[in-house]
């Protein structure tokens, strides 16, 4: 369950020689103490790297995923499972090519290469030994930035296996193996077992708040154990002070906490792809559900509503699908976003949290305003045509996350949900809209917009199957409409007609 940069339970690399194979050294981190929910992944990895006819040369797999997803832990566990078959097993730290080259010199010495040419080129020396070495050798390249940084070090020949861990997603066909976050149930079981808690409901809630990210789960468990905080007290504390807790607590075997691990990827993104960093800041203020980028970035109508900083960061992506595509590719290079369907991308909720935590209060306000403007601009003005229904359904969670409930955009989404047949969803959203209008001083319980929202709430309540509820709401609303707007005002007449309709419907169903 432990994440990359060492992985939970994966500590300092150990160098040793096995008595039965003095010429074949081994260096490998200790086996993870806790590893939950990775049985199927390890089985798939074993099958992928297994020898077979028509598979000459080293077999290669690249474990890919978000920082903290546990790629290193999976790689180390796989290596320990294969030790009985591996003639040699060596784990390289591969973040820095210079460090990686130095580690090849160490391995060359362990393999006993003595030729002066070998001393000048330890990579070639190691490759030569592996090319003629015993079947089953295994080398692990840990925390690889990308293929270009490690390509010269990959053994080109020999009957062995190469395992790579990386946040990067771009690898030759057949190499990439995704390391996803943990299923909520598995994550909750880990938290309960790790902390000794019996409240499985609270464990499931916290697992959801942490998005199943193994590093964050282990960090939370370690904090609770170290401080004696029960899970039921940690959960509200995390909700109130998320950013601080992500930067607190030490997960066993990890050099960095969750905030630092994800923050490093964000810093690299800012350095290498500023436009992608701007897109990530926009995505950080949306809901954690899949985001329809094709809809959000399709036009430039929101451009004049952006502040100076947000206009510079995300403005160039509006209406430019090529620029938007480049930004998404950069996000995927660090596993900061994953495809979630046609035109959809998804960002992990803790990536969102760490991204927001890096902003000042002023910047936060600008990005909240930018997210609201861009979402509202993407919402179809008329929700009645069938072509608008799917767009509004995709935009619904993001509209709820960033739009004021009294905004036109929220109302348009709610109407489109109803027209599409999602009567319950329309009713629930209009309940929120009506409450917001009623409770705000600039509207109040008898403002025309409040009365319109109450009418829509009643209508979609009836369409959702509660004719009696709709009748009662409309019966209470009609006298207010008459007094405020007049008995012959068009909306008053519509309310009167709908009251008659749902009265009949309620009578017919009793």
Foldseek 3Di string as FASTA:
>chain_A
DFFAQQGFQFADWDWDADPVQQLAIEIATDQHPDDFDCPVVLVVVCVQQDDDPPDFFAGAAEEAAAGLLGQNNSVRNSCVVQVVPASHEYEAAQQDLVSRQVVLLVVLVSNPDDDPVCNVRSLVSVLVCQQPDDAEHEYEHGAHLDCVSCVSNDRGHHRYYYYYYYNADDDPPSHYDYRDADDLQRLLVCLCVLQVDPPSVLSSLVCVVQVNRNLQSQQLSQVCVVVVPDSVRVSVVCVVVVQVSQQDGDRHRHPHGNLVRLVVLLVVCCVPPQLLNLVLLLVLQFDQDWAQVCLLQCAQPLLVVADPVSCVRHVVSRNDVVSVVVSVNSCSSSNQWDDDDDSIIGGRNVSSVSSLVVDDPVVNVRSLSSSQSSLLVSQDLALQDPVRLVVLVNSVRRCVRRPDLQDSSLLRSLVNCVNNPVLVSSLVSLVVSLVSQCPDPVHHCLRPSNLVSLLSNLVSVVSVPCLVSSLVSLVVSLVSCCVRVNCPDVVSVVSVVSNVVSVVVVVVVD
